[in-house]
Amino acid sequence: MNPLSLRRAATAVALTLTVGGAWAHGDVKCPAYPASEWRPHTELQEKLVKDGWTVRRMEKTDTCYEVYGKDPKGKRVEAFFDPKTLERVEEK
């Protein structure tokens, strides 16, 4: 494979991975609440740790809290939570 073909193949793979990730996040449906109704992320983290989770990282998306870590069974997960109820919405 010549260098140009290799570069094109690498670009195609990178674009596929990027678009695939965007589609996965598009499937998450949290209700849209005003910021004043969102419960603090620290409250969610405390709840998860109490329930046996290991929280590695948390992020705010447009309408959800996104949590990376391990669930109580030790499985690595990326999970989404409703910011008002702190209920789990979807796991990836």
N, C-alpha and C. Protein backbone atom coordinates (compact mmCIF):
# COMPACT_ATOMS: atom_id res chain seq x y z
N MET A 1 0.85 -1.17 0.00
CA MET A 1 0.00 0.00 0.00
C MET A 1 0.90 1.24 0.00
N ASN A 2 0.63 2.17 -0.91
CA ASN A 2 1.47 3.37 -0.95
C ASN A 2 1.05 4.35 0.15
N PRO A 3 1.88 5.35 0.46
CA PRO A 3 1.60 6.26 1.57
C PRO A 3 0.27 7.01 1.42
N LEU A 4 -0.10 7.39 0.19
CA LEU A 4 -1.35 8.11 -0.02
C LEU A 4 -2.55 7.22 0.30
N SER A 5 -2.51 5.97 -0.13
CA SER A 5 -3.61 5.04 0.16
C SER A 5 -3.71 4.77 1.65
N LEU A 6 -2.58 4.63 2.30
CA LEU A 6 -2.57 4.40 3.74
C LEU A 6 -3.17 5.60 4.49
N ARG A 7 -2.82 6.80 4.05
CA ARG A 7 -3.36 8.01 4.68
C ARG A 7 -4.87 8.08 4.49
N ARG A 8 -5.35 7.76 3.29
CA ARG A 8 -6.79 7.78 3.02
C ARG A 8 -7.52 6.74 3.87
N ALA A 9 -6.93 5.57 4.00
CA ALA A 9 -7.55 4.52 4.81
C ALA A 9 -7.63 4.94 6.28
N ALA A 10 -6.55 5.54 6.79
CA ALA A 10 -6.54 6.00 8.18
C ALA A 10 -7.58 7.09 8.40
N THR A 11 -7.71 8.00 7.43
CA THR A 11 -8.72 9.06 7.54
C THR A 11 -10.12 8.48 7.55
N ALA A 12 -10.38 7.50 6.69
CA ALA A 12 -11.70 6.87 6.63
C ALA A 12 -12.05 6.19 7.96
N VAL A 13 -11.08 5.51 8.55
CA VAL A 13 -11.32 4.85 9.84
C VAL A 13 -11.60 5.88 10.92
N ALA A 14 -10.82 6.95 10.95
CA ALA A 14 -11.02 8.00 11.96
C ALA A 14 -12.40 8.64 11.83
N LEU A 15 -12.82 8.92 10.61
CA LEU A 15 -14.15 9.52 10.39
C LEU A 15 -15.26 8.57 10.81
N THR A 16 -15.09 7.29 10.51
CA THR A 16 -16.10 6.30 10.89
C THR A 16 -16.25 6.24 12.40
N LEU A 17 -15.15 6.22 13.12
CA LEU A 17 -15.20 6.16 14.58
C LEU A 17 -15.83 7.42 15.16
N THR A 18 -15.50 8.58 14.59
CA THR A 18 -16.04 9.84 15.08
C THR A 18 -17.54 9.91 14.86
N VAL A 19 -17.99 9.60 13.66
CA VAL A 19 -19.42 9.65 13.34
C VAL A 19 -20.18 8.60 14.14
N GLY A 20 -19.62 7.42 14.30
CA GLY A 20 -20.27 6.37 15.08
C GLY A 20 -20.51 6.80 16.51
N GLY A 21 -19.54 7.47 17.12
CA GLY A 21 -19.70 7.97 18.47
C GLY A 21 -20.78 9.03 18.56
N ALA A 22 -20.85 9.89 17.56
CA ALA A 22 -21.88 10.92 17.55
C ALA A 22 -23.27 10.30 17.45
N TRP A 23 -23.42 9.29 16.64
CA TRP A 23 -24.72 8.62 16.52
C TRP A 23 -25.11 7.96 17.83
N ALA A 24 -24.16 7.37 18.52
CA ALA A 24 -24.47 6.69 19.78
C ALA A 24 -25.02 7.69 20.80
N HIS A 25 -24.42 8.87 20.89
CA HIS A 25 -24.90 9.88 21.82
C HIS A 25 -26.25 10.42 21.40
N GLY A 26 -26.56 10.40 20.10
CA GLY A 26 -27.83 10.89 19.62
C GLY A 26 -29.00 10.03 20.07
N ASP A 27 -28.74 8.79 20.51
CA ASP A 27 -29.80 7.88 20.95
C ASP A 27 -30.25 8.14 22.39
N VAL A 28 -29.49 8.92 23.14
CA VAL A 28 -29.80 9.17 24.54
C VAL A 28 -30.89 10.24 24.62
N LYS A 29 -31.94 9.93 25.36
CA LYS A 29 -33.07 10.86 25.47
C LYS A 29 -33.32 11.23 26.92
N CYS A 30 -32.72 12.31 27.36
CA CYS A 30 -33.03 12.86 28.68
C CYS A 30 -33.95 14.05 28.46
N PRO A 31 -34.91 14.26 29.36
CA PRO A 31 -35.76 15.44 29.22
C PRO A 31 -34.93 16.72 29.34
N ALA A 32 -35.36 17.76 28.67
CA ALA A 32 -34.67 19.05 28.74
C ALA A 32 -35.24 19.85 29.91
N TYR A 33 -34.41 20.06 30.92
CA TYR A 33 -34.79 20.84 32.09
C TYR A 33 -33.99 22.13 32.10
N PRO A 34 -34.55 23.19 32.69
CA PRO A 34 -33.74 24.39 32.90
C PRO A 34 -32.60 24.06 33.87
N ALA A 35 -31.51 24.77 33.74
CA ALA A 35 -30.34 24.52 34.59
C ALA A 35 -30.68 24.59 36.07
N SER A 36 -31.64 25.42 36.42
CA SER A 36 -32.02 25.57 37.83
C SER A 36 -32.63 24.30 38.42
N GLU A 37 -33.11 23.39 37.56
CA GLU A 37 -33.73 22.15 38.03
C GLU A 37 -32.76 20.97 38.07
N TRP A 38 -31.55 21.16 37.54
CA TRP A 38 -30.55 20.09 37.57
C TRP A 38 -30.05 19.93 39.00
N ARG A 39 -29.98 18.69 39.46
CA ARG A 39 -29.39 18.41 40.76
C ARG A 39 -27.87 18.40 40.59
N PRO A 40 -27.13 18.72 41.64
CA PRO A 40 -25.67 18.79 41.53
C PRO A 40 -25.06 17.43 41.13
N HIS A 41 -24.03 17.50 40.29
CA HIS A 41 -23.38 16.25 39.86
C HIS A 41 -22.74 15.53 41.03
N THR A 42 -22.36 16.27 42.06
CA THR A 42 -21.77 15.62 43.24
C THR A 42 -22.79 14.72 43.93
N GLU A 43 -24.05 15.10 43.86
CA GLU A 43 -25.11 14.28 44.45
C GLU A 43 -25.23 12.95 43.70
N LEU A 44 -25.13 13.01 42.37
CA LEU A 44 -25.17 11.77 41.58
C LEU A 44 -23.95 10.91 41.88
N GLN A 45 -22.78 11.53 41.96
CA GLN A 45 -21.57 10.77 42.23
C GLN A 45 -21.66 10.08 43.59
N GLU A 46 -22.12 10.78 44.61
CA GLU A 46 -22.27 10.19 45.94
C GLU A 46 -23.24 9.01 45.91
N LYS A 47 -24.34 9.18 45.19
CA LYS A 47 -25.35 8.11 45.08
C LYS A 47 -24.74 6.87 44.41
N LEU A 48 -24.00 7.09 43.33
CA LEU A 48 -23.42 5.96 42.60
C LEU A 48 -22.38 5.23 43.44
N VAL A 49 -21.52 5.97 44.12
CA VAL A 49 -20.50 5.35 44.97
C VAL A 49 -21.17 4.55 46.08
N LYS A 50 -22.22 5.11 46.66
CA LYS A 50 -22.97 4.39 47.71
C LYS A 50 -23.57 3.10 47.18
N ASP A 51 -23.98 3.12 45.89
CA ASP A 51 -24.57 1.94 45.25
C ASP A 51 -23.53 0.95 44.71
N GLY A 52 -22.23 1.23 44.93
CA GLY A 52 -21.19 0.30 44.52
C GLY A 52 -20.49 0.61 43.22
N TRP A 53 -20.75 1.76 42.64
CA TRP A 53 -20.10 2.16 41.40
C TRP A 53 -18.70 2.70 41.70
N THR A 54 -17.83 2.61 40.70
CA THR A 54 -16.56 3.32 40.71
C THR A 54 -16.67 4.36 39.61
N VAL A 55 -16.68 5.63 39.98
CA VAL A 55 -16.84 6.71 39.01
C VAL A 55 -15.47 7.22 38.62
N ARG A 56 -15.15 7.09 37.35
CA ARG A 56 -13.87 7.55 36.84
C ARG A 56 -13.97 8.98 36.34
N ARG A 57 -15.08 9.29 35.65
CA ARG A 57 -15.25 10.62 35.08
C ARG A 57 -16.74 10.90 34.89
N MET A 58 -17.12 12.17 35.07
CA MET A 58 -18.50 12.60 34.81
C MET A 58 -18.47 13.82 33.91
N GLU A 59 -19.44 13.88 33.00
CA GLU A 59 -19.57 15.03 32.11
C GLU A 59 -21.03 15.44 32.03
N LYS A 60 -21.24 16.71 31.70
CA LYS A 60 -22.59 17.19 31.41
C LYS A 60 -22.75 17.22 29.90
N THR A 61 -23.78 16.57 29.38
CA THR A 61 -24.12 16.73 27.97
C THR A 61 -25.19 17.82 27.92
N ASP A 62 -25.82 18.00 26.79
CA ASP A 62 -26.86 19.03 26.70
C ASP A 62 -28.02 18.75 27.65
N THR A 63 -28.38 17.47 27.81
CA THR A 63 -29.56 17.15 28.62
C THR A 63 -29.34 16.04 29.64
N CYS A 64 -28.13 15.49 29.74
CA CYS A 64 -27.87 14.35 30.64
C CYS A 64 -26.56 14.54 31.39
N TYR A 65 -26.42 13.75 32.45
CA TYR A 65 -25.11 13.52 33.04
C TYR A 65 -24.59 12.23 32.41
N GLU A 66 -23.33 12.26 32.00
CA GLU A 66 -22.69 11.09 31.40
C GLU A 66 -21.61 10.62 32.36
N VAL A 67 -21.66 9.35 32.72
CA VAL A 67 -20.74 8.80 33.71
C VAL A 67 -19.92 7.68 33.09
N TYR A 68 -18.61 7.74 33.31
CA TYR A 68 -17.68 6.69 32.87
C TYR A 68 -17.13 6.03 34.13
N GLY A 69 -17.13 4.73 34.15
CA GLY A 69 -16.60 4.02 35.30
C GLY A 69 -16.98 2.56 35.28
N LYS A 70 -17.16 2.00 36.48
CA LYS A 70 -17.54 0.59 36.60
C LYS A 70 -18.82 0.50 37.43
N ASP A 71 -19.73 -0.35 36.96
CA ASP A 71 -20.98 -0.55 37.69
C ASP A 71 -20.72 -1.47 38.89
N PRO A 72 -21.72 -1.73 39.72
CA PRO A 72 -21.51 -2.56 40.92
C PRO A 72 -20.98 -3.97 40.62
N LYS A 73 -21.19 -4.46 39.39
CA LYS A 73 -20.69 -5.79 39.02
C LYS A 73 -19.25 -5.73 38.50
N GLY A 74 -18.67 -4.53 38.44
CA GLY A 74 -17.30 -4.37 37.97
C GLY A 74 -17.18 -4.20 36.47
N LYS A 75 -18.30 -4.09 35.78
CA LYS A 75 -18.29 -3.93 34.32
C LYS A 75 -18.02 -2.47 33.96
N ARG A 76 -17.07 -2.25 33.04
CA ARG A 76 -16.80 -0.89 32.56
C ARG A 76 -18.01 -0.40 31.78
N VAL A 77 -18.46 0.81 32.11
CA VAL A 77 -19.65 1.35 31.45
C VAL A 77 -19.50 2.84 31.17
N GLU A 78 -20.29 3.27 30.21
CA GLU A 78 -20.56 4.68 29.97
C GLU A 78 -22.08 4.76 30.12
N ALA A 79 -22.55 5.45 31.14
CA ALA A 79 -23.98 5.47 31.44
C ALA A 79 -24.48 6.91 31.48
N PHE A 80 -25.76 7.06 31.20
CA PHE A 80 -26.39 8.38 31.16
C PHE A 80 -27.47 8.47 32.23
N PHE A 81 -27.57 9.64 32.87
CA PHE A 81 -28.51 9.84 33.96
C PHE A 81 -29.29 11.13 33.77
N ASP A 82 -30.58 11.05 34.11
CA ASP A 82 -31.46 12.21 34.08
C ASP A 82 -30.96 13.19 35.15
N PRO A 83 -30.71 14.44 34.80
CA PRO A 83 -30.12 15.38 35.76
C PRO A 83 -31.08 15.85 36.86
N LYS A 84 -32.36 15.63 36.69
CA LYS A 84 -33.33 16.05 37.70
C LYS A 84 -33.67 14.90 38.66
N THR A 85 -33.87 13.71 38.11
CA THR A 85 -34.25 12.56 38.93
C THR A 85 -33.06 11.70 39.33
N LEU A 86 -31.96 11.85 38.63
CA LEU A 86 -30.74 11.05 38.79
C LEU A 86 -30.98 9.58 38.47
N GLU A 87 -32.03 9.29 37.72
CA GLU A 87 -32.31 7.93 37.27
C GLU A 87 -31.49 7.63 36.02
N ARG A 88 -31.08 6.39 35.88
CA ARG A 88 -30.30 5.96 34.73
C ARG A 88 -31.17 5.95 33.48
N VAL A 89 -30.65 6.49 32.39
CA VAL A 89 -31.40 6.59 31.15
C VAL A 89 -30.95 5.54 30.16
N GLU A 90 -29.65 5.39 29.95
CA GLU A 90 -29.15 4.43 28.97
C GLU A 90 -27.71 4.09 29.29
N GLU A 91 -27.32 2.88 28.99
CA GLU A 91 -25.93 2.45 29.14
C GLU A 91 -25.39 2.12 27.77
N LYS A 92 -24.11 2.47 27.56
CA LYS A 92 -23.45 2.11 26.30
C LYS A 92 -22.58 0.92 26.51
